[in-house]
């Protein structure tokens, strides 16, 4: 996240901040993937570039990263993954890192 501060309409400072990944996280994910054969996914509300950076740091494959997911959509993502490989594969094909999860339509049928 980047924040800028202006004083008298002049840029005075620019700050950048981010959440830190816990030191043990990469090792835990590596073990889940290699030792236990568990497919790890990253589902986040962060933008695509932030999600990709964290995913690389944690050794999560790009195809297992969903970004820009709204809080209410995260439950739908989990439900889709629980529904089985077919539903999960379809969601992943629609929604790799940069695409996020498709937004819900506001029209009713």
Protein backbone atom coordinates (compact mmCIF):
# COMPACT_ATOMS: atom_id res chain seq x y z
CA UNK A 1 0.00 0.00 0.00
CA UNK A 2 1.28 3.44 -0.89
CA UNK A 3 0.19 6.64 0.85
CA UNK A 4 1.17 10.18 -0.03
CA UNK A 5 1.14 13.21 2.26
CA UNK A 6 0.80 16.78 1.01
CA UNK A 7 1.42 20.00 2.91
CA UNK A 8 0.06 23.20 1.37
CA UNK A 9 -0.71 21.24 -1.81
CA UNK A 10 2.93 20.11 -2.13
CA UNK A 11 3.98 16.49 -1.89
CA UNK A 12 5.76 16.14 1.45
CA UNK A 13 6.19 12.38 1.81
CA UNK A 14 5.37 9.02 0.28
CA UNK A 15 5.07 5.94 2.46
CA UNK A 16 4.89 2.30 1.51
CA UNK A 17 3.77 -0.49 3.79
CA UNK A 18 2.93 -4.15 3.52
CA UNK A 19 2.07 -7.11 5.68
CA UNK A 20 5.06 -9.24 6.60
CA UNK A 21 5.01 -12.94 5.85
CA UNK A 22 5.80 -14.95 8.97
CA UNK A 23 9.30 -16.44 8.78
CA UNK A 24 8.09 -20.03 9.12
CA UNK A 25 5.29 -19.72 6.53
CA UNK A 26 7.33 -20.76 3.47
CA UNK A 27 8.64 -23.88 5.23
CA UNK A 28 5.16 -24.87 6.43
CA UNK A 29 3.74 -24.48 2.91
CA UNK A 30 6.67 -26.39 1.39
CA UNK A 31 6.03 -29.27 3.78
CA UNK A 32 2.29 -29.27 3.10
CA UNK A 33 3.00 -29.43 -0.62
CA UNK A 34 5.92 -31.85 -0.77
CA UNK A 35 5.54 -34.04 2.32
CA UNK A 36 1.75 -34.27 2.47
CA UNK A 37 0.81 -33.62 -1.16
CA UNK A 38 -1.61 -30.84 -0.21
CA UNK A 39 -2.43 -28.26 -2.85
CA UNK A 40 -2.02 -24.85 -1.18
CA UNK A 41 -4.04 -21.89 -2.43
CA UNK A 42 -3.72 -18.18 -1.71
CA UNK A 43 -7.07 -16.36 -1.78
CA UNK A 44 -6.66 -12.68 -0.99
CA UNK A 45 -8.26 -9.29 -1.37
CA UNK A 46 -4.85 -7.86 -2.26
CA UNK A 47 -4.14 -6.66 -5.79
CA UNK A 48 -2.63 -9.03 -8.33
CA UNK A 49 0.96 -7.80 -8.06
CA UNK A 50 0.96 -8.02 -4.25
CA UNK A 51 -0.59 -11.49 -4.37
CA UNK A 52 1.97 -12.67 -6.93
CA UNK A 53 4.84 -11.35 -4.81
CA UNK A 54 3.58 -13.13 -1.69
CA UNK A 55 2.88 -16.27 -3.69
CA UNK A 56 6.45 -16.34 -5.03
CA UNK A 57 7.82 -15.81 -1.52
CA UNK A 58 5.71 -18.71 -0.23
CA UNK A 59 6.37 -20.96 -3.27
CA UNK A 60 2.68 -21.07 -4.18
CA UNK A 61 2.23 -21.71 -7.91
CA UNK A 62 0.68 -18.76 -9.81
CA UNK A 63 -2.26 -20.90 -10.89
CA UNK A 64 -3.12 -21.39 -7.18
CA UNK A 65 -3.40 -17.67 -6.44
CA UNK A 66 -6.65 -15.73 -6.53
CA UNK A 67 -6.41 -11.97 -5.97
CA UNK A 68 -8.84 -9.10 -5.53
CA UNK A 69 -11.39 -11.40 -3.89
CA UNK A 70 -13.98 -9.58 -1.82
CA UNK A 71 -14.64 -10.92 1.70
CA UNK A 72 -18.10 -12.21 0.79
CA UNK A 73 -16.64 -13.99 -2.27
CA UNK A 74 -14.09 -15.94 -0.25
CA UNK A 75 -16.78 -18.28 1.08
CA UNK A 76 -17.88 -18.94 -2.52
CA UNK A 77 -14.30 -19.77 -3.49
CA UNK A 78 -14.00 -22.24 -0.59
CA UNK A 79 -17.35 -23.81 -1.49
CA UNK A 80 -16.20 -24.20 -5.09
CA UNK A 81 -12.99 -25.87 -4.01
CA UNK A 82 -14.89 -28.22 -1.69
CA UNK A 83 -17.26 -29.10 -4.55
CA UNK A 84 -14.42 -30.95 -6.22
CA UNK A 85 -11.63 -30.67 -8.74
CA UNK A 86 -13.91 -29.83 -11.65
CA UNK A 87 -15.40 -26.75 -9.96
CA UNK A 88 -11.99 -25.67 -8.67
CA UNK A 89 -10.37 -26.10 -12.09
CA UNK A 90 -13.10 -24.06 -13.75
CA UNK A 91 -12.68 -21.27 -11.19
CA UNK A 92 -8.89 -21.28 -11.59
CA UNK A 93 -9.16 -21.12 -15.39
CA UNK A 94 -11.40 -18.04 -15.07
CA UNK A 95 -9.46 -16.41 -12.28
CA UNK A 96 -5.68 -16.60 -12.33
CA UNK A 97 -3.72 -14.02 -10.34
CA UNK A 98 -4.51 -10.95 -12.37
CA UNK A 99 -8.19 -11.62 -12.95
CA UNK A 100 -9.46 -12.02 -9.41
CA UNK A 101 -12.82 -13.63 -8.85
CA UNK A 102 -15.60 -12.53 -11.17
CA UNK A 103 -17.80 -9.94 -9.48
CA UNK A 104 -21.37 -10.93 -8.67
CA UNK A 105 -23.97 -9.57 -11.02
CA UNK A 106 -26.42 -7.07 -9.59
CA UNK A 107 -29.22 -8.07 -11.97
CA UNK A 108 -31.70 -10.73 -10.96
CA UNK A 109 -33.08 -13.41 -13.25
